[in-house]
Amino acid sequence: MQVTMIDIQCEWVPGTMDQVKVRLPRGEQRVSLEQLRQVAGVDAVNELYLRGLISLPVSSRIEEAFSKLSSEP
């Protein structure tokens, strides 16, 4: 049976206050809090502060934005 991921999960990188671990369907990625805000918006950042873990709906726009971040120097 194949499991399909329906959300992108974001959580804090342990021991940091500005780094976020993003679990995408294609793998994990580490981004800054500012990068998360640029991609997902301020509401996502606020929810991350309150809950420590958030789920974003999988969309081609969000996946493409995170892909561009991973290819930046």
PDB file of N, CA and C in Angstrom:
ATOM      1  N   MET A   1       0.835  -1.170   0.000  1.00  0.00           N
ATOM      2  CA  MET A   1       0.000   0.000   0.000  1.00  0.00           C
ATOM      3  C   MET A   1       0.886   1.243   0.000  1.00  0.00           C
ATOM      4  N   GLN A   2       0.528   2.234  -0.804  1.00  0.00           N
ATOM      5  CA  GLN A   2       1.286   3.463  -0.906  1.00  0.00           C
ATOM      6  C   GLN A   2       0.618   4.542  -0.070  1.00  0.00           C
ATOM      7  N   VAL A   3       1.428   5.268   0.723  1.00  0.00           N
ATOM      8  CA  VAL A   3       0.914   6.342   1.562  1.00  0.00           C
ATOM      9  C   VAL A   3       1.119   7.655   0.824  1.00  0.00           C
ATOM     10  N   THR A   4       0.084   8.459   0.746  1.00  0.00           N
ATOM     11  CA  THR A   4       0.159   9.738   0.070  1.00  0.00           C
ATOM     12  C   THR A   4       0.170  10.855   1.108  1.00  0.00           C
ATOM     13  N   MET A   5       1.177  11.729   1.015  1.00  0.00           N
ATOM     14  CA  MET A   5       1.254  12.855   1.929  1.00  0.00           C
ATOM     15  C   MET A   5       0.298  13.941   1.439  1.00  0.00           C
ATOM     16  N   ILE A   6      -0.566  14.403   2.325  1.00  0.00           N
ATOM     17  CA  ILE A   6      -1.528  15.417   1.913  1.00  0.00           C
ATOM     18  C   ILE A   6      -1.181  16.806   2.440  1.00  0.00           C
ATOM     19  N   ASP A   7      -0.193  16.893   3.319  1.00  0.00           N
ATOM     20  CA  ASP A   7       0.203  18.169   3.887  1.00  0.00           C
ATOM     21  C   ASP A   7       1.714  18.323   3.877  1.00  0.00           C
ATOM     22  N   ILE A   8       2.140  19.565   3.931  1.00  0.00           N
ATOM     23  CA  ILE A   8       3.539  19.900   4.146  1.00  0.00           C
ATOM     24  C   ILE A   8       3.647  20.262   5.615  1.00  0.00           C
ATOM     25  N   GLN A   9       4.506  19.577   6.348  1.00  0.00           N
ATOM     26  CA  GLN A   9       4.630  19.834   7.784  1.00  0.00           C
ATOM     27  C   GLN A   9       5.857  20.688   8.053  1.00  0.00           C
ATOM     28  N   CYS A  10       5.696  21.634   8.958  1.00  0.00           N
ATOM     29  CA  CYS A  10       6.786  22.518   9.356  1.00  0.00           C
ATOM     30  C   CYS A  10       6.899  22.495  10.873  1.00  0.00           C
ATOM     31  N   GLU A  11       8.135  22.404  11.362  1.00  0.00           N
ATOM     32  CA  GLU A  11       8.374  22.447  12.799  1.00  0.00           C
ATOM     33  C   GLU A  11       9.735  23.074  13.051  1.00  0.00           C
ATOM     34  N   TRP A  12       9.942  23.506  14.276  1.00  0.00           N
ATOM     35  CA  TRP A  12      11.213  24.131  14.638  1.00  0.00           C
ATOM     36  C   TRP A  12      12.345  23.126  14.561  1.00  0.00           C
ATOM     37  N   VAL A  13      13.514  23.577  14.144  1.00  0.00           N
ATOM     38  CA  VAL A  13      14.728  22.776  14.269  1.00  0.00           C
ATOM     39  C   VAL A  13      15.132  22.881  15.731  1.00  0.00           C
ATOM     40  N   PRO A  14      15.289  21.756  16.428  1.00  0.00           N
ATOM     41  CA  PRO A  14      15.612  21.804  17.854  1.00  0.00           C
ATOM     42  C   PRO A  14      16.847  22.663  18.139  1.00  0.00           C
ATOM     43  N   GLY A  15      16.749  23.474  19.181  1.00  0.00           N
ATOM     44  CA  GLY A  15      17.861  24.315  19.602  1.00  0.00           C
ATOM     45  C   GLY A  15      17.993  25.620  18.825  1.00  0.00           C
ATOM     46  N   THR A  16      17.051  25.911  17.943  1.00  0.00           N
ATOM     47  CA  THR A  16      17.104  27.164  17.187  1.00  0.00           C
ATOM     48  C   THR A  16      15.844  27.979  17.425  1.00  0.00           C
ATOM     49  N   MET A  17      15.931  29.242  17.098  1.00  0.00           N
ATOM     50  CA  MET A  17      14.756  30.108  17.204  1.00  0.00           C
ATOM     51  C   MET A  17      14.385  30.710  15.853  1.00  0.00           C
ATOM     52  N   ASP A  18      15.156  30.359  14.818  1.00  0.00           N
ATOM     53  CA  ASP A  18      14.888  30.956  13.510  1.00  0.00           C
ATOM     54  C   ASP A  18      15.046  29.969  12.356  1.00  0.00           C
ATOM     55  N   GLN A  19      15.122  28.684  12.665  1.00  0.00           N
ATOM     56  CA  GLN A  19      15.263  27.654  11.637  1.00  0.00           C
ATOM     57  C   GLN A  19      14.085  26.686  11.708  1.00  0.00           C
ATOM     58  N   VAL A  20      13.572  26.332  10.530  1.00  0.00           N
ATOM     59  CA  VAL A  20      12.374  25.498  10.445  1.00  0.00           C
ATOM     60  C   VAL A  20      12.665  24.287   9.568  1.00  0.00           C
ATOM     61  N   LYS A  21      12.239  23.123  10.042  1.00  0.00           N
ATOM     62  CA  LYS A  21      12.336  21.896   9.249  1.00  0.00           C
ATOM     63  C   LYS A  21      11.031  21.743   8.480  1.00  0.00           C
ATOM     64  N   VAL A  22      11.135  21.605   7.173  1.00  0.00           N
ATOM     65  CA  VAL A  22       9.963  21.479   6.305  1.00  0.00           C
ATOM     66  C   VAL A  22       9.967  20.082   5.713  1.00  0.00           C
ATOM     67  N   ARG A  23       8.874  19.336   5.922  1.00  0.00           N
ATOM     68  CA  ARG A  23       8.733  17.993   5.346  1.00  0.00           C
ATOM     69  C   ARG A  23       7.833  18.098   4.118  1.00  0.00           C
ATOM     70  N   LEU A  24       8.459  17.955   2.964  1.00  0.00           N
ATOM     71  CA  LEU A  24       7.760  18.009   1.679  1.00  0.00           C
ATOM     72  C   LEU A  24       7.549  16.591   1.172  1.00  0.00           C
ATOM     73  N   PRO A  25       6.654  16.399   0.209  1.00  0.00           N
ATOM     74  CA  PRO A  25       6.485  15.059  -0.361  1.00  0.00           C
ATOM     75  C   PRO A  25       7.791  14.478  -0.925  1.00  0.00           C
ATOM     76  N   ARG A  26       8.704  15.343  -1.380  1.00  0.00           N
ATOM     77  CA  ARG A  26       9.959  14.865  -1.972  1.00  0.00           C
ATOM     78  C   ARG A  26      11.109  14.793  -0.978  1.00  0.00           C
ATOM     79  N   GLY A  27      10.876  15.149   0.286  1.00  0.00           N
ATOM     80  CA  GLY A  27      11.932  15.060   1.292  1.00  0.00           C
ATOM     81  C   GLY A  27      11.905  16.233   2.254  1.00  0.00           C
ATOM     82  N   GLU A  28      12.905  16.256   3.162  1.00  0.00           N
ATOM     83  CA  GLU A  28      12.990  17.324   4.159  1.00  0.00           C
ATOM     84  C   GLU A  28      13.903  18.441   3.680  1.00  0.00           C
ATOM     85  N   GLN A  29      13.635  19.613   4.226  1.00  0.00           N
ATOM     86  CA  GLN A  29      14.419  20.793   3.892  1.00  0.00           C
ATOM     87  C   GLN A  29      14.460  21.696   5.115  1.00  0.00           C
ATOM     88  N   ARG A  30      15.554  22.401   5.289  1.00  0.00           N
ATOM     89  CA  ARG A  30      15.689  23.347   6.395  1.00  0.00           C
ATOM     90  C   ARG A  30      15.664  24.755   5.818  1.00  0.00           C
ATOM     91  N   VAL A  31      14.803  25.609   6.363  1.00  0.00           N
ATOM     92  CA  VAL A  31      14.684  26.984   5.885  1.00  0.00           C
ATOM     93  C   VAL A  31      14.691  27.931   7.073  1.00  0.00           C
ATOM     94  N   SER A  32      14.952  29.197   6.809  1.00  0.00           N
ATOM     95  CA  SER A  32      14.886  30.195   7.872  1.00  0.00           C
ATOM     96  C   SER A  32      13.422  30.573   8.115  1.00  0.00           C
ATOM     97  N   LEU A  33      13.182  31.171   9.243  1.00  0.00           N
ATOM     98  CA  LEU A  33      11.835  31.625   9.570  1.00  0.00           C
ATOM     99  C   LEU A  33      11.367  32.666   8.563  1.00  0.00           C
ATOM    100  N   GLU A  34      12.274  33.534   8.133  1.00  0.00           N
ATOM    101  CA  GLU A  34      11.926  34.549   7.136  1.00  0.00           C
ATOM    102  C   GLU A  34      11.544  33.906   5.802  1.00  0.00           C
ATOM    103  N   GLN A  35      12.251  32.864   5.408  1.00  0.00           N
ATOM    104  CA  GLN A  35      11.911  32.164   4.166  1.00  0.00           C
ATOM    105  C   GLN A  35      10.534  31.523   4.269  1.00  0.00           C
ATOM    106  N   LEU A  36      10.221  30.940   5.425  1.00  0.00           N
ATOM    107  CA  LEU A  36       8.890  30.368   5.627  1.00  0.00           C
ATOM    108  C   LEU A  36       7.824  31.453   5.499  1.00  0.00           C
ATOM    109  N   ARG A  37       8.083  32.613   6.081  1.00  0.00           N
ATOM    110  CA  ARG A  37       7.124  33.715   5.985  1.00  0.00           C
ATOM    111  C   ARG A  37       6.909  34.139   4.533  1.00  0.00           C
ATOM    112  N   GLN A  38       7.982  34.184   3.749  1.00  0.00           N
ATOM    113  CA  GLN A  38       7.868  34.570   2.346  1.00  0.00           C
ATOM    114  C   GLN A  38       7.031  33.576   1.551  1.00  0.00           C
ATOM    115  N   VAL A  39       7.181  32.300   1.858  1.00  0.00           N
ATOM    116  CA  VAL A  39       6.480  31.254   1.110  1.00  0.00           C
ATOM    117  C   VAL A  39       5.049  31.063   1.606  1.00  0.00           C
ATOM    118  N   ALA A  40       4.884  30.953   2.924  1.00  0.00           N
ATOM    119  CA  ALA A  40       3.584  30.558   3.475  1.00  0.00           C
ATOM    120  C   ALA A  40       2.791  31.691   4.103  1.00  0.00           C
ATOM    121  N   GLY A  41       3.440  32.813   4.371  1.00  0.00           N
ATOM    122  CA  GLY A  41       2.732  33.950   4.939  1.00  0.00           C
ATOM    123  C   GLY A  41       2.890  34.091   6.435  1.00  0.00           C
ATOM    124  N   VAL A  42       2.552  35.264   6.920  1.00  0.00           N
ATOM    125  CA  VAL A  42       2.719  35.582   8.328  1.00  0.00           C
ATOM    126  C   VAL A  42       1.800  34.741   9.219  1.00  0.00           C
ATOM    127  N   ASP A  43       0.622  34.367   8.732  1.00  0.00           N
ATOM    128  CA  ASP A  43      -0.281  33.540   9.542  1.00  0.00           C
ATOM    129  C   ASP A  43       0.338  32.177   9.852  1.00  0.00           C
ATOM    130  N   ALA A  44       1.072  31.616   8.901  1.00  0.00           N
ATOM    131  CA  ALA A  44       1.741  30.331   9.128  1.00  0.00           C
ATOM    132  C   ALA A  44       2.826  30.478  10.194  1.00  0.00           C
ATOM    133  N   VAL A  45       3.567  31.573  10.144  1.00  0.00           N
ATOM    134  CA  VAL A  45       4.607  31.819  11.149  1.00  0.00           C
ATOM    135  C   VAL A  45       3.979  31.990  12.530  1.00  0.00           C
ATOM    136  N   ASN A  46       2.889  32.748  12.610  1.00  0.00           N
ATOM    137  CA  ASN A  46       2.217  32.935  13.897  1.00  0.00           C
ATOM    138  C   ASN A  46       1.723  31.606  14.464  1.00  0.00           C
ATOM    139  N   GLU A  47       1.172  30.767  13.610  1.00  0.00           N
ATOM    140  CA  GLU A  47       0.695  29.457  14.064  1.00  0.00           C
ATOM    141  C   GLU A  47       1.855  28.588  14.530  1.00  0.00           C
ATOM    142  N   LEU A  48       2.995  28.669  13.833  1.00  0.00           N
ATOM    143  CA  LEU A  48       4.175  27.903  14.240  1.00  0.00           C
ATOM    144  C   LEU A  48       4.626  28.334  15.636  1.00  0.00           C
ATOM    145  N   TYR A  49       4.628  29.641  15.909  1.00  0.00           N
ATOM    146  CA  TYR A  49       4.979  30.118  17.249  1.00  0.00           C
ATOM    147  C   TYR A  49       4.026  29.567  18.302  1.00  0.00           C
ATOM    148  N   LEU A  50       2.744  29.513  17.986  1.00  0.00           N
ATOM    149  CA  LEU A  50       1.754  29.071  18.968  1.00  0.00           C
ATOM    150  C   LEU A  50       1.747  27.560  19.174  1.00  0.00           C
ATOM    151  N   ARG A  51       1.896  26.803  18.111  1.00  0.00           N
ATOM    152  CA  ARG A  51       1.742  25.344  18.198  1.00  0.00           C
ATOM    153  C   ARG A  51       3.045  24.572  18.132  1.00  0.00           C
ATOM    154  N   GLY A  52       4.059  25.131  17.484  1.00  0.00           N
ATOM    155  CA  GLY A  52       5.330  24.438  17.339  1.00  0.00           C
ATOM    156  C   GLY A  52       5.382  23.516  16.142  1.00  0.00           C
ATOM    157  N   LEU A  53       4.232  23.247  15.526  1.00  0.00           N
ATOM    158  CA  LEU A  53       4.133  22.380  14.356  1.00  0.00           C
ATOM    159  C   LEU A  53       2.936  22.844  13.541  1.00  0.00           C
ATOM    160  N   ILE A  54       3.134  23.005  12.246  1.00  0.00           N
ATOM    161  CA  ILE A  54       2.008  23.393  11.395  1.00  0.00           C
ATOM    162  C   ILE A  54       1.956  22.497  10.169  1.00  0.00           C
ATOM    163  N   SER A  55       0.793  22.432   9.566  1.00  0.00           N
ATOM    164  CA  SER A  55       0.590  21.702   8.324  1.00  0.00           C
ATOM    165  C   SER A  55       0.069  22.674   7.275  1.00  0.00           C
ATOM    166  N   LEU A  56       0.711  22.655   6.128  1.00  0.00           N
ATOM    167  CA  LEU A  56       0.289  23.472   5.002  1.00  0.00           C
ATOM    168  C   LEU A  56      -0.255  22.556   3.928  1.00  0.00           C
ATOM    169  N   PRO A  57      -1.275  22.976   3.208  1.00  0.00           N
ATOM    170  CA  PRO A  57      -1.783  22.129   2.121  1.00  0.00           C
ATOM    171  C   PRO A  57      -0.741  22.019   1.011  1.00  0.00           C
ATOM    172  N   VAL A  58      -0.638  20.841   0.445  1.00  0.00           N
ATOM    173  CA  VAL A  58       0.290  20.638  -0.669  1.00  0.00           C
ATOM    174  C   VAL A  58      -0.261  21.379  -1.877  1.00  0.00           C
ATOM    175  N   SER A  59       0.555  22.247  -2.440  1.00  0.00           N
ATOM    176  CA  SER A  59       0.177  22.929  -3.673  1.00  0.00           C
ATOM    177  C   SER A  59       1.438  23.099  -4.515  1.00  0.00           C
ATOM    178  N   SER A  60       1.254  23.178  -5.808  1.00  0.00           N
ATOM    179  CA  SER A  60       2.410  23.315  -6.692  1.00  0.00           C
ATOM    180  C   SER A  60       3.135  24.630  -6.423  1.00  0.00           C
ATOM    181  N   ARG A  61       2.400  25.680  -6.044  1.00  0.00           N
ATOM    182  CA  ARG A  61       3.025  26.976  -5.763  1.00  0.00           C
ATOM    183  C   ARG A  61       3.958  26.887  -4.561  1.00  0.00           C
ATOM    184  N   ILE A  62       3.495  26.249  -3.491  1.00  0.00           N
ATOM    185  CA  ILE A  62       4.314  26.129  -2.281  1.00  0.00           C
ATOM    186  C   ILE A  62       5.509  25.214  -2.535  1.00  0.00           C
ATOM    187  N   GLU A  63       5.279  24.079  -3.184  1.00  0.00           N
ATOM    188  CA  GLU A  63       6.397  23.176  -3.476  1.00  0.00           C
ATOM    189  C   GLU A  63       7.438  23.846  -4.352  1.00  0.00           C
ATOM    190  N   GLU A  64       7.004  24.585  -5.359  1.00  0.00           N
ATOM    191  CA  GLU A  64       7.931  25.286  -6.249  1.00  0.00           C
ATOM    192  C   GLU A  64       8.719  26.348  -5.482  1.00  0.00           C
ATOM    193  N   ALA A  65       8.059  27.064  -4.591  1.00  0.00           N
ATOM    194  CA  ALA A  65       8.735  28.095  -3.810  1.00  0.00           C
ATOM    195  C   ALA A  65       9.809  27.485  -2.912  1.00  0.00           C
ATOM    196  N   PHE A  66       9.500  26.374  -2.235  1.00  0.00           N
ATOM    197  CA  PHE A  66      10.507  25.712  -1.402  1.00  0.00           C
ATOM    198  C   PHE A  66      11.637  25.145  -2.249  1.00  0.00           C
ATOM    199  N   SER A  67      11.330  24.666  -3.452  1.00  0.00           N
ATOM    200  CA  SER A  67      12.362  24.157  -4.350  1.00  0.00           C
ATOM    201  C   SER A  67      13.332  25.260  -4.745  1.00  0.00           C
ATOM    202  N   LYS A  68      12.807  26.435  -5.018  1.00  0.00           N
ATOM    203  CA  LYS A  68      13.666  27.566  -5.365  1.00  0.00           C
ATOM    204  C   LYS A  68      14.566  27.945  -4.192  1.00  0.00           C
ATOM    205  N   LEU A  69      14.049  27.864  -2.972  1.00  0.00           N
ATOM    206  CA  LEU A  69      14.848  28.181  -1.803  1.00  0.00           C
ATOM    207  C   LEU A  69      16.002  27.211  -1.645  1.00  0.00           C
ATOM    208  N   SER A  70      15.766  25.937  -1.908  1.00  0.00           N
ATOM    209  CA  SER A  70      16.806  24.942  -1.744  1.00  0.00           C
ATOM    210  C   SER A  70      17.902  25.074  -2.796  1.00  0.00           C
ATOM    211  N   SER A  71      17.602  25.705  -3.927  1.00  0.00           N
ATOM    212  CA  SER A  71      18.608  25.856  -4.978  1.00  0.00           C
ATOM    213  C   SER A  71      19.363  27.172  -4.883  1.00  0.00           C
ATOM    214  N   GLU A  72      18.955  28.071  -3.948  1.00  0.00           N
ATOM    215  CA  GLU A  72      19.675  29.331  -3.755  1.00  0.00           C
ATOM    216  C   GLU A  72      20.962  29.067  -3.018  1.00  0.00           C
ATOM    217  N   PRO A  73      22.014  29.860  -3.306  1.00  0.00           N
ATOM    218  CA  PRO A  73      23.304  29.665  -2.612  1.00  0.00           C
ATOM    219  C   PRO A  73      23.247  30.044  -1.168  1.00  0.00           C
TER     220      PRO A  73
END
